[in-house]
Amino acid sequence: MQRKNSFLKISPRDNFHNGMAMMMAISVIVIVATIMSLSLAMTTMSSKKSIDLYLYEESILLSKSATEYALLKIGQNKPCTQFDTDVLNWRQNNIYDINISIKYIYTSDRSCEDNGGELYTIVQTDEQNGSALIDVTVSVTDENISSEPIRFFRRTLQKL
């Protein structure tokens, strides 16, 4: 009995199946590559957003601390005192630039003339006398950390 092997013979039907398998493999590779590139782009974008959100939240907290610091400096000195710019403007970890501006509200302008402070307005009633308008600006100065400029401004009216 003779054995007939046909594995060396190539029929036209087998060529069609081999071509379809190749096309399906290429399409699967393209789909997987697309999904992986989209997931990588989303991961990069979400990490940038989380860093920017962290810096923004930290600048909010720094502005609250700077307001309290300005009130401390007003309490240590006489009201309506002109402060040095080094006292009210500083850099935090070479990332944040913090600037504080203080303007006073009194019933007469004679309260600020002696101490050199900046008078914002003159009020008529004693209930409004002795207040301070504190402007705090916190900005991120390091361009390598954040993808966009971050700046937070806080204005507070504090009774002295």
C-alpha atoms as a PDB file:
ATOM      1  CA  MET A   1       0.000   0.000   0.000  1.00  0.00           C
ATOM      2  CA  GLN A   2       1.274   3.316  -0.935  1.00  0.00           C
ATOM      3  CA  ARG A   3       0.890   6.312   1.265  1.00  0.00           C
ATOM      4  CA  LYS A   4       0.000   9.593  -0.384  1.00  0.00           C
ATOM      5  CA  ASN A   5       1.181  12.739   1.383  1.00  0.00           C
ATOM      6  CA  SER A   6      -0.196  15.992   0.181  1.00  0.00           C
ATOM      7  CA  PHE A   7       1.395  18.395   2.645  1.00  0.00           C
ATOM      8  CA  LEU A   8       3.826  19.614   0.025  1.00  0.00           C
ATOM      9  CA  LYS A   9       1.087  20.382  -2.396  1.00  0.00           C
ATOM     10  CA  ILE A  10      -0.400  23.866  -2.098  1.00  0.00           C
ATOM     11  CA  SER A  11      -3.954  24.251  -3.126  1.00  0.00           C
ATOM     12  CA  PRO A  12      -5.570  27.614  -3.999  1.00  0.00           C
ATOM     13  CA  ARG A  13      -7.975  27.225  -1.057  1.00  0.00           C
ATOM     14  CA  ASP A  14      -5.092  27.081   1.449  1.00  0.00           C
ATOM     15  CA  ASN A  15      -3.600  30.310   0.074  1.00  0.00           C
ATOM     16  CA  PHE A  16      -6.881  32.095   0.738  1.00  0.00           C
ATOM     17  CA  HIS A  17      -6.930  30.938   4.383  1.00  0.00           C
ATOM     18  CA  ASN A  18      -3.309  31.968   4.932  1.00  0.00           C
ATOM     19  CA  GLY A  19      -4.014  35.460   3.536  1.00  0.00           C
ATOM     20  CA  MET A  20      -7.079  35.896   5.754  1.00  0.00           C
ATOM     21  CA  ALA A  21      -5.093  34.885   8.842  1.00  0.00           C
ATOM     22  CA  MET A  22      -2.422  37.457   7.997  1.00  0.00           C
ATOM     23  CA  MET A  23      -5.023  40.235   7.538  1.00  0.00           C
ATOM     24  CA  MET A  24      -6.719  39.346  10.827  1.00  0.00           C
ATOM     25  CA  ALA A  25      -3.382  39.345  12.681  1.00  0.00           C
ATOM     26  CA  ILE A  26      -2.471  42.779  11.289  1.00  0.00           C
ATOM     27  CA  SER A  27      -5.891  44.211  12.212  1.00  0.00           C
ATOM     28  CA  VAL A  28      -5.613  42.857  15.776  1.00  0.00           C
ATOM     29  CA  ILE A  29      -2.144  44.405  16.136  1.00  0.00           C
ATOM     30  CA  VAL A  30      -3.433  47.778  14.863  1.00  0.00           C
ATOM     31  CA  ILE A  31      -6.402  47.733  17.271  1.00  0.00           C
ATOM     32  CA  VAL A  32      -4.228  46.817  20.280  1.00  0.00           C
ATOM     33  CA  ALA A  33      -1.662  49.510  19.372  1.00  0.00           C
ATOM     34  CA  THR A  34      -4.413  52.137  19.111  1.00  0.00           C
ATOM     35  CA  ILE A  35      -5.864  51.217  22.495  1.00  0.00           C
ATOM     36  CA  MET A  36      -2.419  51.287  24.124  1.00  0.00           C
ATOM     37  CA  SER A  37      -1.551  54.702  22.650  1.00  0.00           C
ATOM     38  CA  LEU A  38      -4.878  56.148  23.843  1.00  0.00           C
ATOM     39  CA  SER A  39      -4.361  54.776  27.342  1.00  0.00           C
ATOM     40  CA  LEU A  40      -0.834  56.216  27.451  1.00  0.00           C
ATOM     41  CA  ALA A  41      -2.124  59.624  26.345  1.00  0.00           C
ATOM     42  CA  MET A  42      -4.853  59.554  28.997  1.00  0.00           C
ATOM     43  CA  THR A  43      -2.351  58.588  31.709  1.00  0.00           C
ATOM     44  CA  THR A  44      -0.022  61.436  30.773  1.00  0.00           C
ATOM     45  CA  MET A  45      -2.877  63.938  30.678  1.00  0.00           C
ATOM     46  CA  SER A  46      -4.296  62.843  34.023  1.00  0.00           C
ATOM     47  CA  SER A  47      -0.898  63.097  35.728  1.00  0.00           C
ATOM     48  CA  LYS A  48      -0.436  66.662  34.407  1.00  0.00           C
ATOM     49  CA  LYS A  49      -3.902  67.612  35.617  1.00  0.00           C
ATOM     50  CA  SER A  50      -3.308  66.109  39.041  1.00  0.00           C
ATOM     51  CA  ILE A  51      -0.014  68.015  39.411  1.00  0.00           C
ATOM     52  CA  ASP A  52      -1.702  71.285  38.377  1.00  0.00           C
ATOM     53  CA  LEU A  53      -4.577  70.631  40.786  1.00  0.00           C
ATOM     54  CA  TYR A  54      -2.122  69.919  43.606  1.00  0.00           C
ATOM     55  CA  LEU A  55      -0.216  73.151  42.945  1.00  0.00           C
ATOM     56  CA  TYR A  56      -3.462  75.151  42.793  1.00  0.00           C
ATOM     57  CA  GLU A  57      -4.730  73.711  46.084  1.00  0.00           C
ATOM     58  CA  GLU A  58      -1.382  74.372  47.742  1.00  0.00           C
ATOM     59  CA  SER A  59      -1.428  77.976  46.508  1.00  0.00           C
ATOM     60  CA  ILE A  60      -4.883  78.418  48.104  1.00  0.00           C
ATOM     61  CA  LEU A  61      -3.536  77.162  51.431  1.00  0.00           C
ATOM     62  CA  LEU A  62      -0.453  79.384  51.128  1.00  0.00           C
ATOM     63  CA  SER A  63      -2.668  82.422  50.526  1.00  0.00           C
ATOM     64  CA  LYS A  64      -4.575  81.698  53.754  1.00  0.00           C
ATOM     65  CA  SER A  65      -1.288  81.345  55.633  1.00  0.00           C
ATOM     66  CA  ALA A  66       0.048  84.562  54.126  1.00  0.00           C
ATOM     67  CA  THR A  67      -3.084  86.418  55.263  1.00  0.00           C
ATOM     68  CA  GLU A  68      -2.557  85.156  58.801  1.00  0.00           C
ATOM     69  CA  TYR A  69       1.123  86.126  58.571  1.00  0.00           C
ATOM     70  CA  ALA A  70       0.175  89.665  57.535  1.00  0.00           C
ATOM     71  CA  LEU A  71      -2.205  89.921  60.497  1.00  0.00           C
ATOM     72  CA  LEU A  72       0.589  88.724  62.781  1.00  0.00           C
ATOM     73  CA  LYS A  73       2.926  91.412  61.445  1.00  0.00           C
ATOM     74  CA  ILE A  74       0.222  94.069  61.911  1.00  0.00           C
ATOM     75  CA  GLY A  75      -0.305  92.869  65.484  1.00  0.00           C
ATOM     76  CA  GLN A  76       3.425  92.944  66.266  1.00  0.00           C
ATOM     77  CA  ASN A  77       3.790  96.505  64.982  1.00  0.00           C
ATOM     78  CA  LYS A  78       1.560  99.516  65.253  1.00  0.00           C
ATOM     79  CA  PRO A  79      -1.434  99.557  62.914  1.00  0.00           C
ATOM     80  CA  CYS A  80      -0.884 101.365  59.644  1.00  0.00           C
ATOM     81  CA  THR A  81       2.820 100.552  59.590  1.00  0.00           C
ATOM     82  CA  GLN A  82       4.691 100.445  56.315  1.00  0.00           C
ATOM     83  CA  PHE A  83       6.414  97.044  56.080  1.00  0.00           C
ATOM     84  CA  ASP A  84       9.555  96.171  54.166  1.00  0.00           C
ATOM     85  CA  THR A  85       8.972  94.370  50.916  1.00  0.00           C
ATOM     86  CA  ASP A  86      11.160  91.512  52.194  1.00  0.00           C
ATOM     87  CA  VAL A  87       8.716  90.925  55.037  1.00  0.00           C
ATOM     88  CA  LEU A  88       5.636  90.755  52.826  1.00  0.00           C
ATOM     89  CA  ASN A  89       7.052  89.258  49.621  1.00  0.00           C
ATOM     90  CA  TRP A  90       8.880  85.978  49.650  1.00  0.00           C
ATOM     91  CA  ARG A  91       9.461  82.748  47.758  1.00  0.00           C
ATOM     92  CA  GLN A  92       8.396  79.373  49.112  1.00  0.00           C
ATOM     93  CA  ASN A  93      10.731  76.490  48.116  1.00  0.00           C
ATOM     94  CA  ASN A  94      11.649  78.391  44.909  1.00  0.00           C
ATOM     95  CA  ILE A  95       8.292  77.265  43.524  1.00  0.00           C
ATOM     96  CA  TYR A  96       5.819  79.865  44.794  1.00  0.00           C
ATOM     97  CA  ASP A  97       6.087  83.645  44.706  1.00  0.00           C
ATOM     98  CA  ILE A  98       3.949  85.222  47.451  1.00  0.00           C
ATOM     99  CA  ASN A  99       3.161  88.959  47.452  1.00  0.00           C
ATOM    100  CA  ILE A 100       1.098  90.715  50.143  1.00  0.00           C
ATOM    101  CA  SER A 101      -0.348  94.201  49.875  1.00  0.00           C
ATOM    102  CA  ILE A 102      -1.957  95.883  52.909  1.00  0.00           C
ATOM    103  CA  LYS A 103      -4.194  98.954  52.783  1.00  0.00           C
ATOM    104  CA  TYR A 104      -5.803 100.422  55.885  1.00  0.00           C
ATOM    105  CA  ILE A 105      -9.260 101.807  56.572  1.00  0.00           C
ATOM    106  CA  TYR A 106      -9.618 104.471  59.285  1.00  0.00           C
ATOM    107  CA  THR A 107     -11.896 107.382  60.165  1.00  0.00           C
ATOM    108  CA  SER A 108      -9.129 109.925  59.542  1.00  0.00           C
ATOM    109  CA  ASP A 109      -6.039 110.004  57.402  1.00  0.00           C
ATOM    110  CA  ARG A 110      -3.916 111.199  60.350  1.00  0.00           C
ATOM    111  CA  SER A 111      -3.704 107.596  61.610  1.00  0.00           C
ATOM    112  CA  CYS A 112      -1.577 106.549  58.640  1.00  0.00           C
ATOM    113  CA  GLU A 113       0.397 109.747  58.082  1.00  0.00           C
ATOM    114  CA  ASP A 114       2.714 109.131  61.011  1.00  0.00           C
ATOM    115  CA  ASN A 115       3.565 105.486  60.268  1.00  0.00           C
ATOM    116  CA  GLY A 116       3.867 105.630  56.493  1.00  0.00           C
ATOM    117  CA  GLY A 117       1.228 102.985  55.732  1.00  0.00           C
ATOM    118  CA  GLU A 118      -1.054 103.127  52.738  1.00  0.00           C
ATOM    119  CA  LEU A 119      -4.572 104.375  53.470  1.00  0.00           C
ATOM    120  CA  TYR A 120      -7.270 102.780  51.326  1.00  0.00           C
ATOM    121  CA  THR A 121     -10.240 104.909  52.289  1.00  0.00           C
ATOM    122  CA  ILE A 122     -11.639 107.090  55.052  1.00  0.00           C
ATOM    123  CA  VAL A 123     -14.844 105.872  56.712  1.00  0.00           C
ATOM    124  CA  GLN A 124     -17.387 107.814  58.745  1.00  0.00           C
ATOM    125  CA  THR A 125     -18.465 105.390  61.480  1.00  0.00           C
ATOM    126  CA  ASP A 126     -16.507 104.000  64.396  1.00  0.00           C
ATOM    127  CA  GLU A 127     -17.704 100.454  63.617  1.00  0.00           C
ATOM    128  CA  GLN A 128     -15.760 100.511  60.381  1.00  0.00           C
ATOM    129  CA  ASN A 129     -12.682 102.147  61.885  1.00  0.00           C
ATOM    130  CA  GLY A 130      -9.508 100.069  62.112  1.00  0.00           C
ATOM    131  CA  SER A 131      -9.757  97.583  59.248  1.00  0.00           C
ATOM    132  CA  ALA A 132      -7.204  96.316  56.782  1.00  0.00           C
ATOM    133  CA  LEU A 133      -7.670  95.286  53.172  1.00  0.00           C
ATOM    134  CA  ILE A 134      -5.163  92.480  52.553  1.00  0.00           C
ATOM    135  CA  ASP A 135      -4.398  91.366  49.001  1.00  0.00           C
ATOM    136  CA  VAL A 136      -2.406  88.151  48.646  1.00  0.00           C
ATOM    137  CA  THR A 137      -1.112  86.884  45.307  1.00  0.00           C
ATOM    138  CA  VAL A 138       0.436  83.419  45.063  1.00  0.00           C
ATOM    139  CA  SER A 139       1.920  82.353  41.743  1.00  0.00           C
ATOM    140  CA  VAL A 140       3.935  79.356  40.602  1.00  0.00           C
ATOM    141  CA  THR A 141       7.262  80.572  39.245  1.00  0.00           C
ATOM    142  CA  ASP A 142       8.881  77.282  38.237  1.00  0.00           C
ATOM    143  CA  GLU A 143       7.881  76.583  34.631  1.00  0.00           C
ATOM    144  CA  ASN A 144       9.269  73.023  34.712  1.00  0.00           C
ATOM    145  CA  ILE A 145       6.716  71.862  37.283  1.00  0.00           C
ATOM    146  CA  SER A 146       3.364  72.956  35.867  1.00  0.00           C
ATOM    147  CA  SER A 147       2.097  72.770  32.323  1.00  0.00           C
ATOM    148  CA  GLU A 148       0.217  76.062  32.588  1.00  0.00           C
ATOM    149  CA  PRO A 149       0.717  79.220  34.678  1.00  0.00           C
ATOM    150  CA  ILE A 150      -0.951  78.984  38.081  1.00  0.00           C
ATOM    151  CA  ARG A 151      -1.840  82.161  39.966  1.00  0.00           C
ATOM    152  CA  PHE A 152      -4.204  82.607  42.904  1.00  0.00           C
ATOM    153  CA  PHE A 153      -5.419  85.963  44.223  1.00  0.00           C
ATOM    154  CA  ARG A 154      -7.130  86.416  47.590  1.00  0.00           C
ATOM    155  CA  ARG A 155      -8.587  89.659  48.958  1.00  0.00           C
ATOM    156  CA  THR A 156      -9.553  89.810  52.611  1.00  0.00           C
ATOM    157  CA  LEU A 157     -11.052  92.549  54.759  1.00  0.00           C
ATOM    158  CA  GLN A 158      -9.862  92.051  58.342  1.00  0.00           C
ATOM    159  CA  LYS A 159     -10.857  93.960  61.447  1.00  0.00           C
ATOM    160  CA  LEU A 160      -7.853  95.117  63.489  1.00  0.00           C
END
